[in-house]
Amino acid sequence: MFCKQTYVQSNDAILFNIKALIYSNSGLLQMKATPRVRKIALLGKFAYPELRLFRLWTRCIGVSCVLCTVLVEARTVDMSASFPSLHISQQATNNQHGVSGLDNPRKIATSRDKKSIFVVSGDDDALSVFQLDSDEQLYFKQTFKNIDNNRYKLAGASDVIALDNGKWLITASFYDGALSLFSKVEQGGYQFVHSLSDDLSAKRIFKDPTPVGELDNLKLLAPWSILKLDEQHFVVASYKSDAVRFFKLSNG
C-alpha cells in the first residue's frame, strides 16, 4: 500500500517559495507537484524555472507511515534575454511561378557577393540558378537539366560549388560519375563548358558485380560531395570509388 502526502498551500505561498528558490539559487524545494503547483511555476510572472520532478514513495508499515514527498529541483532560466525569431522571407517552389529544377534539391552554393544562388536537384537531374534583384528579392534565372542535354551529366546531381565569385560552377553527378563545369556569360546567365567522367553507366557502376578495376581512372564513381578549398582547388569524395581526390581548376 502506498500513501501520499496531502496538505494545502495558497497560490501566493507556492509562488513565494518558487521565487525564493530562484533568487537564492537553492538546489531543492520540498513541495508537492500538483497540477496547480506546475501551473503556477510555469505561468508565474517571473524568470521561469526548469522543473525536474522526483517522486519518492515509501511503503506504510503497520500504523506508522512516512509521508511521501516530491522534490522539485529548480534551475533558473533568464527569459528576459532577447532571442531572434525565425520567419519566412521568401521561397522558391518547384514548378511554381516559372521555377523549375527543384525536385529533391540536394545542395546550395552562393557566389562570394551572395547575389547568386545555385541549387542542384537529385531527382530533376538539374542545376538551377537564382539571382537577387535590386530589391534584394530572389528570382529564378535559368536551369540546366539532363533531360534537355545528357552532356551536362547531372543525373542524381549531388553537390555544387562556386569559384571566383560565381564565375565558375562545378557540379557532381552521383549516377553519371562525373564533374561538370559551367561558366558565367556576360548576360549574367551560365553556359555548359565540359564534363569530366569515365563514362561508365549507372548500371555498370551500381548493378554489375564485376569490379570496375582500371575503368575507374578518375575515381569519380558516385561522388557524394565537393569541398571547396580555395578559388582553384577542391576535393571530391566518391562512394563507389572508395576515394577522395583533389582537383584544380586551371587554364588549358
Protein backbone atom coordinates (compact mmCIF):
# COMPACT_ATOMS: atom_id res chain seq x y z
CA MET A 1 0.00 0.00 0.00
CA PHE A 2 1.35 3.43 -0.95
CA CYS A 3 0.49 6.72 0.68
CA LYS A 4 0.67 10.32 -0.49
CA GLN A 5 1.24 13.50 1.44
CA THR A 6 -1.77 15.81 1.50
CA TYR A 7 -1.68 19.44 2.58
CA VAL A 8 -2.95 22.77 1.24
CA GLN A 9 -0.87 25.78 0.25
CA SER A 10 -2.14 29.04 -1.12
CA ASN A 11 -1.11 30.22 -4.59
CA ASP A 12 0.82 33.07 -3.01
CA ALA A 13 2.73 30.67 -0.75
CA ILE A 14 3.65 28.44 -3.68
CA LEU A 15 4.72 31.42 -5.75
CA PHE A 16 6.73 32.82 -2.86
CA ASN A 17 8.60 29.54 -2.40
CA ILE A 18 9.44 29.23 -6.08
CA LYS A 19 10.59 32.88 -6.25
CA ALA A 20 12.72 32.41 -3.16
CA LEU A 21 14.29 29.36 -4.75
CA ILE A 22 15.07 31.31 -7.92
CA TYR A 23 16.64 34.28 -6.19
CA SER A 24 18.64 32.17 -3.75
CA ASN A 25 19.80 29.61 -6.35
CA SER A 26 18.84 26.90 -3.89
CA GLY A 27 19.12 23.38 -5.15
CA LEU A 28 15.94 21.73 -3.85
CA LEU A 29 12.46 22.79 -2.80
CA GLN A 30 10.24 20.34 -0.99
CA MET A 31 6.81 20.74 -2.50
CA LYS A 32 4.01 18.51 -3.76
CA ALA A 33 3.93 18.63 -7.56
CA THR A 34 0.22 19.03 -8.08
CA PRO A 35 -1.18 20.37 -11.35
CA ARG A 36 -1.77 23.70 -9.60
CA VAL A 37 1.87 23.90 -8.49
CA ARG A 38 3.08 23.18 -12.04
CA LYS A 39 0.75 25.79 -13.48
CA ILE A 40 1.89 28.44 -11.05
CA ALA A 41 5.53 27.57 -11.64
CA LEU A 42 5.16 27.78 -15.41
CA LEU A 43 2.83 30.76 -15.65
CA GLY A 44 4.12 32.99 -12.86
CA LYS A 45 5.34 36.40 -13.97
CA PHE A 46 8.99 35.92 -13.17
CA ALA A 47 12.07 34.12 -14.58
CA TYR A 48 10.71 30.66 -15.44
CA PRO A 49 12.34 27.74 -13.61
CA GLU A 50 13.01 24.43 -15.33
CA LEU A 51 11.47 21.83 -13.09
CA ARG A 52 12.60 18.25 -12.67
CA LEU A 53 10.23 16.21 -10.51
CA PHE A 54 11.31 13.24 -8.45
CA ARG A 55 8.60 11.19 -6.75
CA LEU A 56 9.92 9.36 -3.74
CA TRP A 57 7.37 6.94 -2.35
CA THR A 58 7.68 4.84 0.80
CA ARG A 59 5.52 1.95 1.96
CA CYS A 60 3.36 2.27 5.02
CA ILE A 61 4.44 -0.17 7.70
CA GLY A 62 1.70 -1.08 10.16
CA VAL A 63 0.14 2.10 11.54
CA SER A 64 3.33 4.07 11.03
CA CYS A 65 3.75 5.77 7.69
CA VAL A 66 6.49 8.03 6.39
CA LEU A 67 4.93 10.81 4.39
CA CYS A 68 5.79 10.70 0.72
CA THR A 69 7.27 13.87 -0.77
CA VAL A 70 8.05 15.33 -4.11
CA LEU A 71 11.34 17.14 -4.51
CA VAL A 72 11.26 19.90 -7.09
CA GLU A 73 14.70 20.78 -8.40
CA ALA A 74 14.63 24.25 -9.90
CA ARG A 75 17.19 25.89 -12.16
CA THR A 76 16.65 29.45 -13.27
CA VAL A 77 16.43 30.37 -16.92
CA ASP A 78 16.63 34.07 -17.71
CA MET A 79 13.72 34.68 -20.06
CA SER A 80 14.36 38.41 -20.14
CA ALA A 81 17.17 37.90 -22.67
CA SER A 82 16.33 38.84 -26.25
CA PHE A 83 16.28 35.99 -28.78
CA PRO A 84 15.95 36.23 -32.57
CA SER A 85 12.89 34.73 -34.21
CA LEU A 86 12.63 32.70 -37.40
CA HIS A 87 10.33 33.71 -40.21
CA ILE A 88 9.96 33.06 -43.93
CA SER A 89 11.12 35.99 -46.02
CA GLN A 90 10.77 34.36 -49.45
CA GLN A 91 10.57 30.94 -51.04
CA ALA A 92 11.01 29.23 -54.40
CA THR A 93 8.91 26.15 -55.11
CA ASN A 94 9.39 23.69 -57.93
CA ASN A 95 7.02 24.17 -60.89
CA GLN A 96 5.53 27.36 -59.48
CA HIS A 97 5.91 30.87 -60.88
CA GLY A 98 8.26 29.68 -63.60
CA VAL A 99 10.68 27.94 -61.23
CA SER A 100 11.95 24.50 -62.26
CA GLY A 101 14.74 22.08 -61.43
CA LEU A 102 13.97 21.82 -57.69
CA ASP A 103 12.64 18.27 -57.42
CA ASN A 104 14.62 16.95 -54.45
CA PRO A 105 17.10 19.83 -54.10
CA ARG A 106 20.33 18.43 -52.68
CA LYS A 107 22.87 21.21 -52.17
CA ILE A 108 23.08 25.00 -52.33
CA ALA A 109 26.04 27.24 -53.10
CA THR A 110 26.37 31.01 -53.39
CA SER A 111 28.63 33.46 -55.12
CA ARG A 112 31.04 35.31 -52.87
CA ASP A 113 28.94 38.50 -53.06
CA LYS A 114 25.81 36.48 -52.14
CA LYS A 115 23.96 37.84 -55.18
CA SER A 116 23.67 34.47 -56.93
CA ILE A 117 22.43 31.15 -55.55
CA PHE A 118 22.95 27.77 -57.17
CA VAL A 119 20.93 24.63 -56.43
CA VAL A 120 21.36 21.05 -57.67
CA SER A 121 18.45 18.63 -57.82
CA GLY A 122 18.84 14.89 -57.40
CA ASP A 123 15.51 13.95 -58.99
CA ASP A 124 15.26 16.65 -61.67
CA ASP A 125 18.91 15.92 -62.56
CA ALA A 126 19.37 19.66 -62.73
CA LEU A 127 21.34 22.76 -61.84
CA SER A 128 19.24 25.86 -61.17
CA VAL A 129 20.45 29.45 -60.93
CA PHE A 130 18.80 32.20 -58.88
CA GLN A 131 19.85 35.83 -58.55
CA LEU A 132 18.98 38.79 -56.35
CA ASP A 133 17.37 41.86 -57.89
CA SER A 134 17.84 45.48 -56.81
CA ASP A 135 15.25 44.98 -54.05
CA GLU A 136 17.19 42.02 -52.65
CA GLN A 137 14.48 39.63 -53.86
CA LEU A 138 15.41 36.23 -55.24
CA TYR A 139 14.35 35.46 -58.79
CA PHE A 140 14.76 32.39 -60.98
CA LYS A 141 17.34 32.85 -63.75
CA GLN A 142 17.78 29.52 -65.55
CA THR A 143 18.16 25.77 -65.20
CA PHE A 144 20.19 23.00 -66.83
CA LYS A 145 18.58 19.55 -66.98
CA ASN A 146 19.91 16.21 -68.11
CA ILE A 147 16.64 15.59 -69.91
CA ASP A 148 17.47 18.52 -72.21
CA ASN A 149 21.09 17.55 -72.80
CA ASN A 150 22.72 14.48 -71.28
CA ARG A 151 26.13 16.03 -71.91
CA TYR A 152 25.50 18.08 -68.77
CA LYS A 153 25.98 14.88 -66.74
CA LEU A 154 23.67 15.90 -63.92
CA ALA A 155 21.99 12.55 -63.20
CA GLY A 156 21.40 12.40 -59.46
CA ALA A 157 23.20 15.74 -59.03
CA SER A 158 24.65 15.65 -55.53
CA ASP A 159 26.68 18.82 -54.98
CA VAL A 160 27.69 22.19 -56.41
CA ILE A 161 30.38 24.76 -55.63
CA ALA A 162 31.01 28.26 -56.97
CA LEU A 163 34.52 29.56 -57.72
CA ASP A 164 35.81 33.08 -58.38
CA ASN A 165 32.66 34.83 -57.14
CA GLY A 166 30.41 32.59 -59.20
CA LYS A 167 32.35 32.89 -62.43
CA TRP A 168 32.67 29.10 -62.48
CA LEU A 169 30.29 26.41 -61.20
CA ILE A 170 31.26 22.80 -60.64
CA THR A 171 28.65 20.12 -60.10
CA ALA A 172 28.90 16.47 -59.07
CA SER A 173 26.69 13.76 -60.57
CA PHE A 174 26.11 10.68 -58.43
CA TYR A 175 24.76 8.43 -61.20
CA ASP A 176 26.83 9.79 -64.09
CA GLY A 177 30.02 9.57 -62.01
CA ALA A 178 31.05 13.00 -63.23
CA LEU A 179 32.07 16.56 -62.54
CA SER A 180 30.68 19.26 -64.81
CA LEU A 181 31.93 22.80 -65.36
CA PHE A 182 29.69 25.79 -66.11
CA SER A 183 30.85 29.36 -66.78
CA LYS A 184 29.17 32.73 -66.38
CA VAL A 185 28.37 34.71 -69.52
CA GLU A 186 28.09 38.47 -70.00
CA GLN A 187 24.30 38.50 -69.75
CA GLY A 188 24.51 37.11 -66.21
CA GLY A 189 23.45 33.59 -67.09
CA TYR A 190 25.58 30.47 -67.41
CA GLN A 191 26.71 28.08 -70.10
CA PHE A 192 27.91 24.50 -70.02
CA VAL A 193 31.67 24.10 -70.68
CA HIS A 194 32.52 20.42 -70.34
CA SER A 195 32.36 17.41 -68.01
CA LEU A 196 34.93 15.06 -66.52
CA SER A 197 33.88 11.40 -66.36
CA ASP A 198 34.94 7.83 -67.07
CA ASP A 199 31.61 7.49 -68.94
CA LEU A 200 30.51 4.37 -67.11
CA SER A 201 26.76 3.85 -66.99
CA ALA A 202 24.86 3.77 -63.73
CA LYS A 203 24.03 0.11 -64.43
CA ARG A 204 27.74 -0.71 -64.78
CA ILE A 205 28.60 1.23 -61.63
CA PHE A 206 25.82 0.00 -59.35
CA LYS A 207 24.44 -3.27 -60.75
CA ASP A 208 27.28 -5.13 -62.46
CA PRO A 209 29.06 -7.40 -59.94
CA THR A 210 32.26 -7.32 -61.99
CA PRO A 211 34.80 -4.98 -60.37
CA VAL A 212 35.38 -1.84 -62.41
CA GLY A 213 39.13 -2.03 -61.76
CA GLU A 214 41.14 0.17 -64.10
CA LEU A 215 37.96 1.54 -65.69
CA ASP A 216 37.73 3.81 -62.67
CA ASN A 217 40.53 6.11 -63.78
CA LEU A 218 39.23 9.38 -62.35
CA LYS A 219 37.99 7.98 -59.03
CA LEU A 220 34.68 9.73 -59.60
CA LEU A 221 32.21 6.89 -59.33
CA ALA A 222 29.14 8.06 -57.39
CA PRO A 223 30.58 11.29 -55.99
CA TRP A 224 28.83 12.36 -52.81
CA SER A 225 30.24 15.80 -52.17
CA ILE A 226 32.66 18.52 -53.21
CA LEU A 227 34.69 20.52 -50.70
CA LYS A 228 35.97 23.88 -51.90
CA LEU A 229 39.48 24.63 -50.64
CA ASP A 230 40.04 27.96 -52.38
CA GLU A 231 39.11 29.62 -55.68
CA GLN A 232 41.00 26.99 -57.69
CA HIS A 233 41.26 23.83 -55.61
CA PHE A 234 38.60 21.42 -54.40
CA VAL A 235 38.20 17.86 -53.13
CA VAL A 236 35.67 15.22 -54.21
CA ALA A 237 34.57 12.23 -52.13
CA SER A 238 33.26 9.33 -54.25
CA TYR A 239 31.21 6.47 -52.83
CA LYS A 240 31.80 3.66 -55.34
CA SER A 241 35.42 4.63 -55.97
CA ASP A 242 36.18 4.49 -52.23
CA ALA A 243 38.34 7.51 -52.80
CA VAL A 244 38.89 11.18 -52.11
CA ARG A 245 40.54 13.02 -54.99
CA PHE A 246 41.93 16.54 -55.24
CA PHE A 247 41.26 18.70 -58.30
CA LYS A 248 42.40 22.05 -59.60
CA LEU A 249 40.68 24.46 -61.98
CA SER A 250 43.27 25.77 -64.42
CA ASN A 251 43.50 27.26 -67.91
CA GLY A 252 44.11 24.97 -70.83
